[in-house]
PDB file of N, CA and C in Angstrom:
ATOM      1  N   MET A   1       3.252  -1.136  24.314  1.00  0.00           N
ATOM      2  CA  MET A   1       4.575  -1.908  23.161  1.00  0.00           C
ATOM      3  C   MET A   1       4.113  -0.920  22.267  1.00  0.00           C
ATOM      4  N   ALA A   2       6.006  -1.322  21.811  1.00  0.00           N
ATOM      5  CA  ALA A   2       6.398  -0.631  20.465  1.00  0.00           C
ATOM      6  C   ALA A   2       6.482  -1.522  19.113  1.00  0.00           C
ATOM      7  N   ARG A   3       6.385  -0.402  18.131  1.00  0.00           N
ATOM      8  CA  ARG A   3       6.737  -1.637  16.781  1.00  0.00           C
ATOM      9  C   ARG A   3       7.169   0.034  16.001  1.00  0.00           C
ATOM     10  N   LEU A   4       7.699  -0.867  14.653  1.00  0.00           N
ATOM     11  CA  LEU A   4       8.464   0.028  14.108  1.00  0.00           C
ATOM     12  C   LEU A   4       7.376   0.243  12.490  1.00  0.00           C
ATOM     13  N   VAL A   5       7.786   1.886  12.172  1.00  0.00           N
ATOM     14  CA  VAL A   5       7.347   2.038  11.012  1.00  0.00           C
ATOM     15  C   VAL A   5       8.145   2.034  10.084  1.00  0.00           C
ATOM     16  N   ALA A   6       7.373   2.509   8.873  1.00  0.00           N
ATOM     17  CA  ALA A   6       8.319   2.547   7.390  1.00  0.00           C
ATOM     18  C   ALA A   6       8.292   4.170   7.137  1.00  0.00           C
ATOM     19  N   LEU A   7       9.827   4.878   7.023  1.00  0.00           N
ATOM     20  CA  LEU A   7       9.839   5.916   6.753  1.00  0.00           C
ATOM     21  C   LEU A   7      10.564   6.474   5.126  1.00  0.00           C
ATOM     22  N   ASN A   8      10.043   7.026   4.485  1.00  0.00           N
ATOM     23  CA  ASN A   8      11.320   7.661   3.091  1.00  0.00           C
ATOM     24  C   ASN A   8      12.086   8.627   3.420  1.00  0.00           C
ATOM     25  N   GLU A   9      12.832   8.381   2.253  1.00  0.00           N
ATOM     26  CA  GLU A   9      14.162  10.036   2.207  1.00  0.00           C
ATOM     27  C   GLU A   9      13.460  10.965   2.980  1.00  0.00           C
ATOM     28  N   ASN A  10      11.922  11.477   3.112  1.00  0.00           N
ATOM     29  CA  ASN A  10      11.598  12.568   3.927  1.00  0.00           C
ATOM     30  C   ASN A  10      10.765  12.402   4.967  1.00  0.00           C
ATOM     31  N   HIS A  11      11.329  11.403   5.858  1.00  0.00           N
ATOM     32  CA  HIS A  11      11.359  11.142   7.292  1.00  0.00           C
ATOM     33  C   HIS A  11       9.492  11.120   7.499  1.00  0.00           C
ATOM     34  N   ARG A  12       8.937  10.734   6.267  1.00  0.00           N
ATOM     35  CA  ARG A  12       7.359  10.338   6.148  1.00  0.00           C
ATOM     36  C   ARG A  12       7.145   9.041   6.124  1.00  0.00           C
ATOM     37  N   ARG A  13       6.041   8.693   6.842  1.00  0.00           N
ATOM     38  CA  ARG A  13       5.570   7.866   6.874  1.00  0.00           C
ATOM     39  C   ARG A  13       5.007   7.262   5.427  1.00  0.00           C
ATOM     40  N   ILE A  14       5.175   6.045   4.944  1.00  0.00           N
ATOM     41  CA  ILE A  14       5.128   5.266   3.785  1.00  0.00           C
ATOM     42  C   ILE A  14       3.599   3.647   4.281  1.00  0.00           C
ATOM     43  N   GLY A  15       3.330   3.517   2.968  1.00  0.00           N
ATOM     44  CA  GLY A  15       2.794   2.153   3.042  1.00  0.00           C
ATOM     45  C   GLY A  15       1.458   1.986   3.991  1.00  0.00           C
ATOM     46  N   GLN A  16       1.014   1.294   5.030  1.00  0.00           N
ATOM     47  CA  GLN A  16       0.106   1.258   5.655  1.00  0.00           C
ATOM     48  C   GLN A  16      -0.013   1.931   6.641  1.00  0.00           C
ATOM     49  N   ASP A  17       1.654   2.530   7.034  1.00  0.00           N
ATOM     50  CA  ASP A  17       1.552   3.427   8.131  1.00  0.00           C
ATOM     51  C   ASP A  17       1.220   5.082   8.029  1.00  0.00           C
ATOM     52  N   HIS A  18       1.195   4.980   6.614  1.00  0.00           N
ATOM     53  CA  HIS A  18       0.470   6.670   6.347  1.00  0.00           C
ATOM     54  C   HIS A  18      -0.633   6.849   6.755  1.00  0.00           C
ATOM     55  N   PRO A  19      -1.157   8.115   7.207  1.00  0.00           N
ATOM     56  CA  PRO A  19      -2.025   8.452   7.759  1.00  0.00           C
ATOM     57  C   PRO A  19      -3.385   7.881   6.999  1.00  0.00           C
ATOM     58  N   LYS A  20      -3.381   8.629   5.595  1.00  0.00           N
ATOM     59  CA  LYS A  20      -4.368   7.987   5.021  1.00  0.00           C
ATOM     60  C   LYS A  20      -4.392   6.756   4.457  1.00  0.00           C
ATOM     61  N   ALA A  21      -3.982   5.891   4.514  1.00  0.00           N
ATOM     62  CA  ALA A  21      -3.892   4.927   3.984  1.00  0.00           C
ATOM     63  C   ALA A  21      -5.134   3.892   4.301  1.00  0.00           C
ATOM     64  N   LYS A  22      -5.552   3.708   3.314  1.00  0.00           N
ATOM     65  CA  LYS A  22      -7.076   3.122   2.803  1.00  0.00           C
ATOM     66  C   LYS A  22      -6.787   1.731   3.201  1.00  0.00           C
ATOM     67  N   LEU A  23      -5.588   0.586   2.729  1.00  0.00           N
ATOM     68  CA  LEU A  23      -5.248  -0.601   2.261  1.00  0.00           C
ATOM     69  C   LEU A  23      -3.876  -0.649   3.120  1.00  0.00           C
ATOM     70  N   THR A  24      -3.870  -2.139   3.495  1.00  0.00           N
ATOM     71  CA  THR A  24      -2.697  -2.720   4.257  1.00  0.00           C
ATOM     72  C   THR A  24      -1.283  -2.998   2.887  1.00  0.00           C
ATOM     73  N   ASP A  25      -0.479  -3.329   3.667  1.00  0.00           N
ATOM     74  CA  ASP A  25       0.628  -3.512   2.518  1.00  0.00           C
ATOM     75  C   ASP A  25       0.340  -5.075   1.901  1.00  0.00           C
ATOM     76  N   HIS A  26      -0.108  -5.743   2.691  1.00  0.00           N
ATOM     77  CA  HIS A  26      -1.075  -7.023   2.258  1.00  0.00           C
ATOM     78  C   HIS A  26      -1.960  -6.948   1.343  1.00  0.00           C
ATOM     79  N   ASP A  27      -2.748  -6.108   1.440  1.00  0.00           N
ATOM     80  CA  ASP A  27      -4.193  -5.796   0.126  1.00  0.00           C
ATOM     81  C   ASP A  27      -3.397  -6.037  -1.228  1.00  0.00           C
ATOM     82  N   VAL A  28      -1.932  -4.668  -0.800  1.00  0.00           N
ATOM     83  CA  VAL A  28      -1.581  -3.534  -2.474  1.00  0.00           C
ATOM     84  C   VAL A  28      -0.749  -4.961  -2.523  1.00  0.00           C
ATOM     85  N   GLU A  29      -0.280  -6.048  -1.857  1.00  0.00           N
ATOM     86  CA  GLU A  29       0.585  -7.271  -2.787  1.00  0.00           C
ATOM     87  C   GLU A  29      -0.403  -7.787  -3.060  1.00  0.00           C
ATOM     88  N   LEU A  30      -1.625  -8.178  -2.682  1.00  0.00           N
ATOM     89  CA  LEU A  30      -2.255  -9.230  -2.885  1.00  0.00           C
ATOM     90  C   LEU A  30      -3.200  -8.649  -4.611  1.00  0.00           C
ATOM     91  N   ILE A  31      -3.371  -7.335  -4.698  1.00  0.00           N
ATOM     92  CA  ILE A  31      -3.613  -6.486  -5.326  1.00  0.00           C
ATOM     93  C   ILE A  31      -3.161  -6.643  -6.728  1.00  0.00           C
ATOM     94  N   ARG A  32      -2.177  -6.668  -6.811  1.00  0.00           N
ATOM     95  CA  ARG A  32      -0.741  -6.795  -7.954  1.00  0.00           C
ATOM     96  C   ARG A  32      -0.501  -8.541  -8.062  1.00  0.00           C
ATOM     97  N   GLN A  33      -0.941  -9.227  -7.037  1.00  0.00           N
ATOM     98  CA  GLN A  33      -0.897 -10.807  -7.562  1.00  0.00           C
ATOM     99  C   GLN A  33      -1.803 -11.062  -8.400  1.00  0.00           C
ATOM    100  N   LEU A  34      -2.799 -10.827  -7.669  1.00  0.00           N
ATOM    101  CA  LEU A  34      -4.241 -10.934  -8.652  1.00  0.00           C
ATOM    102  C   LEU A  34      -4.213 -10.362  -9.721  1.00  0.00           C
ATOM    103  N   ARG A  35      -3.497  -8.861 -10.048  1.00  0.00           N
ATOM    104  CA  ARG A  35      -3.459  -8.709 -11.487  1.00  0.00           C
ATOM    105  C   ARG A  35      -2.423  -9.631 -12.241  1.00  0.00           C
ATOM    106  N   ASP A  36      -1.297 -10.396 -11.581  1.00  0.00           N
ATOM    107  CA  ASP A  36      -0.450 -10.642 -12.334  1.00  0.00           C
ATOM    108  C   ASP A  36      -1.635 -12.239 -12.877  1.00  0.00           C
ATOM    109  N   GLN A  37      -2.351 -12.697 -12.288  1.00  0.00           N
ATOM    110  CA  GLN A  37      -3.030 -14.085 -12.287  1.00  0.00           C
ATOM    111  C   GLN A  37      -4.003 -13.749 -13.887  1.00  0.00           C
ATOM    112  N   GLY A  38      -4.385 -12.368 -13.661  1.00  0.00           N
ATOM    113  CA  GLY A  38      -4.715 -12.108 -15.076  1.00  0.00           C
ATOM    114  C   GLY A  38      -6.450 -11.464 -14.590  1.00  0.00           C
ATOM    115  N   PHE A  39      -6.336 -11.275 -13.308  1.00  0.00           N
ATOM    116  CA  PHE A  39      -8.126 -10.747 -13.315  1.00  0.00           C
ATOM    117  C   PHE A  39      -7.981  -8.908 -13.445  1.00  0.00           C
ATOM    118  N   MET A  40      -9.233  -8.562 -14.138  1.00  0.00           N
ATOM    119  CA  MET A  40      -9.232  -7.179 -14.788  1.00  0.00           C
ATOM    120  C   MET A  40      -9.229  -6.214 -13.661  1.00  0.00           C
ATOM    121  N   TYR A  41      -8.855  -5.100 -13.754  1.00  0.00           N
ATOM    122  CA  TYR A  41      -8.540  -3.672 -13.240  1.00  0.00           C
ATOM    123  C   TYR A  41     -10.282  -3.604 -12.030  1.00  0.00           C
ATOM    124  N   TRP A  42     -11.447  -3.693 -13.276  1.00  0.00           N
ATOM    125  CA  TRP A  42     -12.821  -3.723 -12.382  1.00  0.00           C
ATOM    126  C   TRP A  42     -12.878  -4.780 -11.493  1.00  0.00           C
ATOM    127  N   GLN A  43     -12.983  -6.127 -11.776  1.00  0.00           N
ATOM    128  CA  GLN A  43     -12.881  -6.811 -10.798  1.00  0.00           C
ATOM    129  C   GLN A  43     -11.861  -7.125  -9.591  1.00  0.00           C
ATOM    130  N   ILE A  44     -10.682  -6.855  -9.090  1.00  0.00           N
ATOM    131  CA  ILE A  44     -10.434  -6.183  -8.540  1.00  0.00           C
ATOM    132  C   ILE A  44     -10.250  -5.199  -7.941  1.00  0.00           C
ATOM    133  N   ALA A  45     -11.312  -4.146  -7.930  1.00  0.00           N
ATOM    134  CA  ALA A  45     -11.442  -2.668  -7.405  1.00  0.00           C
ATOM    135  C   ALA A  45     -12.936  -3.281  -6.591  1.00  0.00           C
ATOM    136  N   ALA A  46     -13.549  -4.208  -7.308  1.00  0.00           N
ATOM    137  CA  ALA A  46     -15.343  -4.303  -6.965  1.00  0.00           C
ATOM    138  C   ALA A  46     -14.636  -5.065  -5.197  1.00  0.00           C
ATOM    139  N   LYS A  47     -13.726  -5.857  -5.542  1.00  0.00           N
ATOM    140  CA  LYS A  47     -13.117  -7.327  -4.450  1.00  0.00           C
ATOM    141  C   LYS A  47     -12.860  -5.894  -3.461  1.00  0.00           C
ATOM    142  N   PHE A  48     -11.881  -4.542  -3.259  1.00  0.00           N
ATOM    143  CA  PHE A  48     -11.273  -3.992  -2.293  1.00  0.00           C
ATOM    144  C   PHE A  48     -12.240  -2.992  -2.301  1.00  0.00           C
ATOM    145  N   GLU A  49     -13.320  -2.620  -2.823  1.00  0.00           N
ATOM    146  CA  GLU A  49     -14.021  -1.056  -2.754  1.00  0.00           C
ATOM    147  C   GLU A  49     -13.233   0.095  -2.955  1.00  0.00           C
ATOM    148  N   ILE A  50     -12.540  -0.046  -3.817  1.00  0.00           N
ATOM    149  CA  ILE A  50     -11.762   1.338  -4.362  1.00  0.00           C
ATOM    150  C   ILE A  50     -11.778   1.360  -5.876  1.00  0.00           C
ATOM    151  N   SER A  51     -11.389   2.401  -6.282  1.00  0.00           N
ATOM    152  CA  SER A  51     -11.166   2.867  -7.663  1.00  0.00           C
ATOM    153  C   SER A  51     -10.573   1.874  -8.732  1.00  0.00           C
ATOM    154  N   LYS A  52     -11.004   1.895  -9.885  1.00  0.00           N
ATOM    155  CA  LYS A  52     -10.109   1.181 -10.984  1.00  0.00           C
ATOM    156  C   LYS A  52      -9.027   1.909 -11.300  1.00  0.00           C
ATOM    157  N   THR A  53      -9.061   3.334 -11.366  1.00  0.00           N
ATOM    158  CA  THR A  53      -8.265   4.319 -10.930  1.00  0.00           C
ATOM    159  C   THR A  53      -6.829   3.800  -9.878  1.00  0.00           C
ATOM    160  N   SER A  54      -7.212   3.640  -9.066  1.00  0.00           N
ATOM    161  CA  SER A  54      -6.504   2.713  -7.693  1.00  0.00           C
ATOM    162  C   SER A  54      -5.790   1.572  -7.993  1.00  0.00           C
ATOM    163  N   VAL A  55      -6.513   0.895  -8.317  1.00  0.00           N
ATOM    164  CA  VAL A  55      -5.864  -0.259  -9.211  1.00  0.00           C
ATOM    165  C   VAL A  55      -4.874  -0.210 -10.000  1.00  0.00           C
ATOM    166  N   ALA A  56      -4.839   0.495 -10.832  1.00  0.00           N
ATOM    167  CA  ALA A  56      -3.827   0.720 -12.207  1.00  0.00           C
ATOM    168  C   ALA A  56      -3.316   1.079 -11.799  1.00  0.00           C
ATOM    169  N   LYS A  57      -2.962   2.298 -10.965  1.00  0.00           N
ATOM    170  CA  LYS A  57      -1.898   2.951 -10.171  1.00  0.00           C
ATOM    171  C   LYS A  57      -1.011   1.901  -9.245  1.00  0.00           C
ATOM    172  N   ILE A  58      -1.211   1.505  -8.633  1.00  0.00           N
ATOM    173  CA  ILE A  58      -0.830   0.208  -7.608  1.00  0.00           C
ATOM    174  C   ILE A  58      -0.277  -0.408  -8.601  1.00  0.00           C
ATOM    175  N   CYS A  59      -0.660  -1.254  -9.774  1.00  0.00           N
ATOM    176  CA  CYS A  59      -0.578  -2.442 -10.339  1.00  0.00           C
ATOM    177  C   CYS A  59       0.619  -2.093 -11.345  1.00  0.00           C
ATOM    178  N   THR A  60       0.779  -0.439 -11.466  1.00  0.00           N
ATOM    179  CA  THR A  60       1.829   0.339 -11.964  1.00  0.00           C
ATOM    180  C   THR A  60       2.818   0.478 -11.680  1.00  0.00           C
ATOM    181  N   PHE A  61       2.923   0.716 -10.287  1.00  0.00           N
ATOM    182  CA  PHE A  61       3.822   1.403  -9.115  1.00  0.00           C
ATOM    183  C   PHE A  61       3.821   2.952  -9.380  1.00  0.00           C
ATOM    184  N   GLU A  62       2.892   3.353  -9.852  1.00  0.00           N
ATOM    185  CA  GLU A  62       2.352   4.547  -9.630  1.00  0.00           C
ATOM    186  C   GLU A  62       2.112   5.259  -8.276  1.00  0.00           C
ATOM    187  N   ARG A  63       1.189   4.408  -7.420  1.00  0.00           N
ATOM    188  CA  ARG A  63       0.997   4.021  -6.034  1.00  0.00           C
ATOM    189  C   ARG A  63       1.497   3.368  -4.974  1.00  0.00           C
ATOM    190  N   ARG A  64       2.249   3.642  -3.940  1.00  0.00           N
ATOM    191  CA  ARG A  64       2.386   2.256  -2.873  1.00  0.00           C
ATOM    192  C   ARG A  64       3.824   1.744  -3.422  1.00  0.00           C
ATOM    193  N   ALA A  65       4.838   2.748  -3.649  1.00  0.00           N
ATOM    194  CA  ALA A  65       5.969   2.257  -4.766  1.00  0.00           C
ATOM    195  C   ALA A  65       7.382   2.658  -3.644  1.00  0.00           C
ATOM    196  N   CYS A  66       6.641   3.489  -2.767  1.00  0.00           N
ATOM    197  CA  CYS A  66       7.970   3.903  -1.647  1.00  0.00           C
ATOM    198  C   CYS A  66       8.691   2.949  -1.261  1.00  0.00           C
ATOM    199  N   ILE A  67      10.452   3.201  -1.090  1.00  0.00           N
ATOM    200  CA  ILE A  67      10.818   2.100  -0.208  1.00  0.00           C
ATOM    201  C   ILE A  67      11.354   2.761   0.709  1.00  0.00           C
ATOM    202  N   ALA A  68      11.485   1.920   1.426  1.00  0.00           N
ATOM    203  CA  ALA A  68      11.555   2.465   3.003  1.00  0.00           C
ATOM    204  C   ALA A  68      13.461   2.866   3.281  1.00  0.00           C
ATOM    205  N   THR A  69      13.623   3.854   4.082  1.00  0.00           N
ATOM    206  CA  THR A  69      15.086   4.415   3.997  1.00  0.00           C
ATOM    207  C   THR A  69      15.113   4.495   5.198  1.00  0.00           C
ATOM    208  N   HIS A  70      14.100   4.622   6.269  1.00  0.00           N
ATOM    209  CA  HIS A  70      14.397   4.479   7.612  1.00  0.00           C
ATOM    210  C   HIS A  70      13.287   4.133   8.495  1.00  0.00           C
ATOM    211  N   TRP A  71      13.600   3.968   9.140  1.00  0.00           N
ATOM    212  CA  TRP A  71      12.746   3.117  10.505  1.00  0.00           C
ATOM    213  C   TRP A  71      11.980   4.114  11.614  1.00  0.00           C
ATOM    214  N   LYS A  72      11.398   4.231  12.099  1.00  0.00           N
ATOM    215  CA  LYS A  72      10.822   4.369  13.753  1.00  0.00           C
ATOM    216  C   LYS A  72      10.064   3.700  14.045  1.00  0.00           C
ATOM    217  N   ARG A  73      10.728   3.912  15.606  1.00  0.00           N
ATOM    218  CA  ARG A  73       9.868   3.150  16.694  1.00  0.00           C
ATOM    219  C   ARG A  73       8.735   4.159  17.323  1.00  0.00           C
ATOM    220  N   ILE A  74       7.644   3.370  17.170  1.00  0.00           N
ATOM    221  CA  ILE A  74       6.342   3.864  17.397  1.00  0.00           C
ATOM    222  C   ILE A  74       5.911   3.480  18.749  1.00  0.00           C
ATOM    223  N   LYS A  75       5.471   4.351  19.960  1.00  0.00           N
ATOM    224  CA  LYS A  75       3.669   3.467  20.880  1.00  0.00           C
ATOM    225  C   LYS A  75       3.140   3.324  20.368  1.00  0.00           C
ATOM    226  N   GLU A  76       2.390   2.535  20.725  1.00  0.00           N
ATOM    227  CA  GLU A  76       1.008   1.900  19.975  1.00  0.00           C
ATOM    228  C   GLU A  76       0.039   1.936  21.238  1.00  0.00           C
ATOM    229  N   LYS A  77      -1.306   2.801  21.071  1.00  0.00           N
ATOM    230  CA  LYS A  77      -2.353   3.041  22.189  1.00  0.00           C
ATOM    231  C   LYS A  77      -2.595   1.488  22.777  1.00  0.00           C
TER     232      LYS A  77
END
């Protein structure tokens, strides 16, 4: 079975397909929604077991903000 993975302009994997990703793309979107609803960084961090700094960087689009410019089909194991 094959699936598509997102790549940035340098043809590197981004988002949940990045080798060091700890959160899914859905988790990142949920973090941003929770912040929009008024939750504090520390509350969100506790829920997802990540640092407050990570939450802040996700919410301010300093992290996980790449746009997919290419796609690659890979085989799943």
